[in-house]
Amino acid sequence: MPKYILKRAIMSLITAFLVATLTFFVMNMVPGGPFLSEKAVTPQAQAAMEAKYGLDKPLFQQYTTYMTGILKGDFGLSIKKRGRTVSQIIGTKFPVSAKVGGLALILAVCTGIPLGAVAAFNRGKFIDNLLVVLSTAGIAIPSFLSSTILIYIFTTKLKWLPSLGLKDAQSYIMPVVALALYPTFYMARLMRSSMLDVMGQDYMRTAKAKGVTTFKAIFKHALRNAILPVITYLGPLLAALMTGSFIIEKIFNIPGLGSEFVSSITSRDYPMIMGTTIFLAVFIIIMNLFVDVAYAIVDPRIKLK
């Protein structure tokens, strides 16, 4: 396993390098610049700002300077957030997104997996049909619509929950639920399909023939093998949730990394775009590595080479 992890670490560095390179050149191919939105900027002032951030240099020189800075852990200064580095902004915004995303992940896992298992065990019955309908609707409804419905019911009508910011524990409820809806029902469908496949295997029939109780057969034998597709889904899901959902953070006015990333794109904040893109790419790569290792732990038949 150590050799496998080392190999994946090297591949991860190469992938992050390619992502950073591609993002840099594609971003600079788009017409315009980060200072076009500035009001009443004279050509002299614009030239001074471009010189300050190194944007007056040839493109390849900008690229080599930026990549050299990354190797030193320096993502540069934000163009729009004057006086703040990209690393400082990510360090401030990421914990907010990670907290909301982490709670949403816990809710999705603790709800989706049991729902899928219950639906599979009651195949063809009312509860199975009900869960299939609910999961289909949960996957089909976009997050901005589910967020709007939650705000309308619990804020506008019932006036139970706040809809803006993260001031107290109650303010986390709607963003977490809205963020967890899609992964909950998606995992439920994955778990149901996988569970049905596992329950039809020979070793499950053998366990029943030996007198193993239904509870033990499901939770000791079936669940461990059926959960593998869900583990595969958890890697990119964890990265997506913990780095912030752009729509959810905008709707509920959450000062997280997702909303900051959207703002950096619209304002053409080059260093911020680069920094958040590389951070997200590395985070996804690390989560996928954890998933591979978790595969080997859950199923010893899988060997990492």
Foldseek 3Di string as FASTA:
>chain_A
DVVLVVVLVVVLVVVLVVLLVVLLVVLVVDPDALCPPPPPQDPVNVVVLCVVQVVVDDSVVNVVVQVVCVVVVFLACWSVVPPDGLVVLQVVFLVLLQVLLVLLVVVLVVQQQVLLLVLLVVDPDPSVVVLVVQLVVLQPDDLLVQLVVCCCPCCVPVNPADQAEPPDPRNSVSLSCSLNSNSNSVSSVQLNVLLNVQCPDPVLVVCVVVPNDPVCSCVVPRSLRSCLVVLQVVLLSSLDRSQHDLSSCVRRVYSHNNVVLVVCVVSVRPSNVSVSSSVSSSSSSVSNVVSLVVVCVSPVVDDRD
